[in-house]
Protein backbone atom coordinates (compact mmCIF):
# COMPACT_ATOMS: atom_id res chain seq x y z
CA MET A 1 247.13 182.42 158.35
CA LEU A 2 249.02 185.35 157.15
CA ILE A 3 247.25 188.60 156.39
CA ASP A 4 248.14 190.20 153.10
CA TRP A 5 248.01 193.69 154.14
CA PHE A 6 248.55 194.79 150.55
CA THR A 7 245.55 192.96 149.43
CA VAL A 8 243.56 194.26 152.34
CA GLY A 9 244.70 197.75 151.65
CA ALA A 10 243.83 197.36 147.95
CA GLN A 11 240.38 196.01 148.87
CA ALA A 12 239.87 198.85 151.33
CA VAL A 13 240.90 201.26 148.64
CA ASN A 14 238.64 199.56 146.15
CA PHE A 15 235.67 199.70 148.76
CA ILE A 16 236.22 203.33 149.39
CA ILE A 17 236.33 204.01 145.66
CA LEU A 18 233.16 201.89 145.23
CA VAL A 19 231.44 203.83 148.02
CA TRP A 20 232.41 207.12 146.53
CA LEU A 21 231.29 206.02 143.05
CA LEU A 22 228.08 204.69 144.43
CA LYS A 23 227.54 207.92 146.34
CA ARG A 24 228.66 210.03 143.43
CA PHE A 25 226.82 208.33 140.55
CA LEU A 26 224.07 206.25 142.19
CA TYR A 27 222.99 207.24 145.66
CA LYS A 28 223.18 211.06 145.33
CA PRO A 29 221.27 211.11 142.01
CA ILE A 30 218.66 208.72 143.64
CA LEU A 31 218.47 211.05 146.76
CA ASN A 32 218.20 214.06 144.37
CA ALA A 33 215.52 212.40 142.32
CA ILE A 34 213.66 211.43 145.58
CA ASP A 35 214.06 215.01 146.83
CA ALA A 36 212.91 216.33 143.47
CA ARG A 37 209.96 213.86 143.46
CA GLU A 38 209.11 214.71 146.94
CA LYS A 39 209.20 218.46 146.04
CA ARG A 40 207.16 217.83 142.99
CA ILE A 41 204.58 215.75 144.99
CA ALA A 42 204.54 218.56 147.60
CA THR A 43 204.02 221.14 144.92
CA GLU A 44 201.27 219.03 143.38
CA LEU A 45 199.71 218.54 146.69
CA ALA A 46 199.89 222.28 147.35
CA ALA A 47 198.36 222.88 143.95
CA ALA A 48 195.75 220.25 144.58
CA GLY A 49 195.10 221.85 147.89
CA ASP A 50 194.66 225.30 146.16
CA ARG A 51 192.40 223.73 143.60
CA GLU A 52 190.48 222.08 146.23
CA ALA A 53 190.24 225.25 148.30
CA GLN A 54 189.24 227.07 145.05
CA ALA A 55 186.74 224.47 144.14
CA ARG A 56 185.37 224.67 147.62
CA LYS A 57 185.21 228.35 147.41
CA SER A 58 183.62 228.18 144.02
CA HIS A 59 181.15 225.68 145.51
CA ASP A 60 180.39 227.83 148.39
CA GLU A 61 179.96 230.90 146.06
CA PHE A 62 177.67 228.77 143.88
CA ASP A 63 175.60 227.69 146.92
CA ASP A 64 175.39 231.38 148.05
CA LYS A 65 174.31 232.48 144.59
CA ASN A 66 171.74 229.63 144.46
CA ARG A 67 170.46 230.64 147.93
CA LYS A 68 170.40 234.30 146.85
CA PHE A 69 168.66 233.38 143.63
CA ASP A 70 166.10 231.27 145.58
CA GLN A 71 165.61 234.28 148.06
CA ASP A 72 165.25 236.75 145.13
CA ARG A 73 162.95 234.40 143.32
CA ASP A 74 160.75 233.90 146.36
CA ALA A 75 160.76 237.72 147.00
CA LEU A 76 159.79 238.39 143.41
CA MET A 77 157.23 235.72 143.46
CA ALA A 78 155.71 237.16 146.73
CA LYS A 79 155.81 240.61 145.29
CA ALA A 80 154.19 239.42 142.07
CA ALA A 81 151.53 237.63 144.09
CA LEU A 82 150.85 240.84 146.12
CA GLU A 83 150.67 242.91 143.02
CA ILE A 84 148.30 240.43 141.29
CA LYS A 85 146.19 240.39 144.41
CA ALA A 86 146.15 244.11 144.53
CA GLU A 87 145.33 244.35 140.87
CA HIS A 88 142.57 241.76 141.32
CA GLU A 89 141.14 243.83 144.12
CA ARG A 90 141.37 247.04 142.18
CA LEU A 91 139.57 245.48 139.23
CA LEU A 92 136.96 244.04 141.51
CA ASP A 93 136.62 247.46 143.15
CA ASP A 94 136.31 249.11 139.75
CA ALA A 95 133.74 246.55 138.67
CA ARG A 96 131.76 247.05 141.95
CA LYS A 97 131.89 250.88 141.50
CA ALA A 98 130.82 250.61 137.90
CA ALA A 99 127.96 248.25 138.92
CA ASN A 100 126.99 250.44 141.86
CA ASP A 101 127.12 253.53 139.61
CA LEU A 102 124.91 251.76 137.07
CA LEU A 103 122.49 250.71 139.78
CA SER A 104 122.59 254.13 141.35
CA GLY A 105 121.72 255.60 137.93
CA GLN A 106 118.90 253.14 137.46
CA ARG A 107 117.51 253.85 140.98
CA ALA A 108 117.84 257.56 140.34
CA ALA A 109 115.96 257.14 137.07
CA ALA A 110 113.44 254.94 138.82
CA ARG A 111 112.99 257.51 141.59
CA ASN A 112 112.63 260.35 139.13
CA ASP A 113 110.06 258.34 137.23
CA ALA A 114 108.31 257.48 140.52
CA THR A 115 108.47 261.18 141.56
CA ALA A 116 106.94 262.23 138.25
CA LEU A 117 104.33 259.50 138.56
CA MET A 118 103.52 260.48 142.06
CA ASP A 119 103.24 264.12 141.04
CA GLN A 120 100.77 263.13 138.23
CA MET A 121 98.78 260.89 140.60
CA MET A 122 98.75 263.60 143.24
CA ARG A 123 97.51 266.20 140.77
CA LEU A 124 94.96 263.85 139.32
CA ALA A 125 93.92 262.78 142.77
CA ALA A 126 93.73 266.39 144.06
CA THR A 127 91.62 267.44 140.97
CA GLU A 128 89.33 264.58 141.35
CA VAL A 129 89.03 265.13 145.16
CA PHE A 130 88.36 268.89 144.65
CA ASP A 131 85.60 268.13 142.07
CA VAL A 132 83.99 265.53 144.18
CA ALA A 133 84.29 267.66 147.31
CA ARG A 134 82.72 270.69 145.52
CA ARG A 135 79.90 268.66 144.10
CA ALA A 136 79.28 266.91 147.50
CA LEU A 137 79.30 270.10 149.39
CA SER A 138 77.03 271.78 146.85
CA ASP A 139 74.50 268.80 146.91
CA LEU A 140 74.50 268.14 150.61
CA ALA A 141 74.77 271.54 152.10
CA SER A 142 73.88 273.78 149.23
CA MET A 143 77.21 275.56 149.74
CA THR A 144 80.14 275.91 147.33
CA LEU A 145 83.60 274.55 148.25
CA GLU A 146 84.99 278.14 148.18
CA GLU A 147 82.36 279.23 150.76
CA ARG A 148 83.34 276.38 153.09
CA LEU A 149 87.05 277.10 152.64
CA GLY A 150 86.38 280.76 153.47
CA GLU A 151 84.56 279.76 156.69
CA ILE A 152 87.37 277.48 157.73
CA PHE A 153 90.00 280.05 157.02
CA THR A 154 88.19 282.83 158.91
CA ARG A 155 87.83 280.48 161.90
CA ARG A 156 91.55 279.61 161.75
CA LEU A 157 92.30 283.24 161.55
CA ARG A 158 90.33 284.07 164.75
CA GLU A 159 91.90 281.02 166.52
CA MET A 160 95.53 281.97 165.83
CA LYS A 161 97.94 281.45 168.70
CA PRO A 162 99.11 284.63 170.36
CA ASP A 163 102.71 284.45 169.15
CA ALA A 164 101.81 283.77 165.56
CA LYS A 165 99.06 286.45 165.69
CA GLN A 166 101.63 288.99 167.01
CA LEU A 167 104.03 288.30 164.22
CA LEU A 168 101.30 288.52 161.56
CA ASP A 169 100.05 291.71 163.18
CA VAL A 170 103.52 293.30 162.94
CA ALA A 171 103.75 292.25 159.29
CA LEU A 172 100.28 293.61 158.44
CA ARG A 173 101.00 296.99 160.07
CA ALA A 174 104.48 297.40 158.42
CA PRO A 175 104.67 300.52 156.06
CA HIS A 176 103.82 299.69 152.56
CA ALA A 177 102.80 296.15 153.66
CA ALA A 178 101.12 294.17 150.91
CA ALA A 179 98.74 291.53 152.25
CA VAL A 180 97.67 288.96 149.72
CA VAL A 181 95.08 286.13 149.93
CA ARG A 182 95.65 283.32 147.36
CA SER A 183 93.26 280.58 146.53
CA ARG A 184 93.08 277.96 143.84
CA PHE A 185 89.54 279.09 142.96
CA ALA A 186 88.32 282.64 142.57
CA LEU A 187 86.48 283.65 145.78
CA ALA A 188 83.00 285.22 145.59
CA ALA A 189 82.57 288.72 146.85
CA GLN A 190 80.81 287.47 149.85
CA GLU A 191 83.83 285.22 150.89
CA LYS A 192 86.19 288.10 150.18
CA ALA A 193 84.14 290.41 152.42
CA ALA A 194 84.08 287.77 155.14
CA ILE A 195 87.84 287.34 155.05
CA GLN A 196 88.37 291.11 155.06
CA ASN A 197 86.03 291.55 158.07
CA ALA A 198 87.73 288.73 159.97
CA LEU A 199 91.18 290.37 159.45
CA ASN A 200 89.93 293.76 160.47
CA GLU A 201 88.26 292.49 163.56
CA THR A 202 91.15 290.21 164.53
CA PHE A 203 93.81 292.87 164.25
CA ALA A 204 91.52 295.89 165.00
CA ALA A 205 92.71 297.72 161.96
CA ASP A 206 91.68 298.37 158.36
CA ILE A 207 93.94 295.92 156.53
CA ARG A 208 94.67 296.54 152.91
CA LEU A 209 94.00 293.24 151.24
CA ALA A 210 94.49 291.78 147.63
CA PHE A 211 93.02 288.65 146.37
CA GLU A 212 94.71 286.33 143.87
CA THR A 213 94.17 282.90 142.45
CA ALA A 214 96.78 280.14 142.14
CA PRO A 215 95.43 277.39 139.80
CA ASP A 216 98.36 275.20 140.31
CA GLY A 217 98.23 275.25 144.09
CA ILE A 218 96.63 272.80 146.53
CA CYS A 219 93.01 273.61 147.23
CA GLY A 220 92.98 276.02 150.16
CA ILE A 221 93.50 279.75 151.13
CA GLU A 222 96.76 281.37 152.02
CA LEU A 223 97.46 284.82 153.52
CA THR A 224 100.90 286.31 153.12
CA ALA A 225 102.31 289.53 154.41
CA GLY A 226 105.83 290.79 155.15
CA GLY A 227 107.23 287.16 155.10
CA GLN A 228 104.51 285.85 157.47
CA LYS A 229 102.05 283.33 156.25
CA LEU A 230 98.75 281.84 157.46
CA SER A 231 97.24 279.12 155.32
CA TRP A 232 94.88 276.17 155.25
CA SER A 233 94.48 273.56 152.58
CA ILE A 234 93.39 270.01 152.23
CA ALA A 235 97.01 268.95 151.76
CA GLY A 236 96.88 267.22 155.13
CA TYR A 237 93.88 265.18 154.06
CA LEU A 238 95.84 264.09 151.02
CA ALA A 239 98.77 262.88 153.00
CA ALA A 240 97.19 259.51 153.68
CA LEU A 241 96.47 259.08 150.05
CA GLU A 242 100.09 260.07 149.16
CA GLU A 243 101.39 257.52 151.74
CA LYS A 244 99.30 254.73 150.22
CA ALA A 245 100.38 255.66 146.78
CA GLN A 246 103.99 255.62 147.83
CA VAL A 247 103.60 252.15 149.27
CA LEU A 248 102.11 251.06 145.93
CA LEU A 249 105.00 252.58 144.01
CA ASN A 250 107.54 250.99 146.40
CA ALA A 251 106.03 247.57 145.66
CA GLN A 252 106.28 248.23 141.91
CA ILE A 253 109.80 249.50 142.02
CA LYS A 254 111.86 246.86 143.78
CA PRO A 255 115.04 248.29 145.37
CA SER A 256 118.18 246.48 144.66
CA GLY A 257 121.24 246.59 146.94
CA ALA A 258 124.80 247.49 145.94
CA VAL A 259 126.98 244.84 144.43
CA PRO A 260 128.79 243.06 147.21
């Protein structure tokens, strides 16, 4: 078989032209389109990655803000709880203080009333005891209460302890010393003379002496001179009565404790 080289050459030329045409008008645009598409896809993927990273960042920031918000909320709630508790305690303390002040005032008023009542009772009891003692001594011994008190006082004067006696002696002998004997009841001349003689004998001196009455005092006799004092009264005998009266008052005035 003979080869038609012209035909072969023509076909080769046609093939080359076809390949060039395909490359020029078909393959190259397709490659360019593919490259452009790949670039577009790569750009979109990069943009999507950026958006995803931004979304992840926004999500993380949102989570951080949520956590911070929760922390701030918990801190504020804890602070508010502490402030509420402190205010509650303050109000309770104020209420306790007000209640205690009220109770203290009531107790003070009760004590004042009790003191006044005790004073009245003691004065009444003393007056009654004095009257009874005077009548009893007068009836039983034919002796007034003043006489008996004078005898007891002179005996106490002579039985003074050395230290007390020395101090009173110095006071009585001081220049311009004013020795005064006070009694609730006016002493008779006989009792005054007995006390004067007892002082003169006890201190071996002529003691200048003045007698006074103290109607508001406890029944007894008191000698004062230069700040020194020698006295005797029935106050000690009334102590038991005062104690019993105090027990009675305590039973009537029930103490109440402070508000817990």
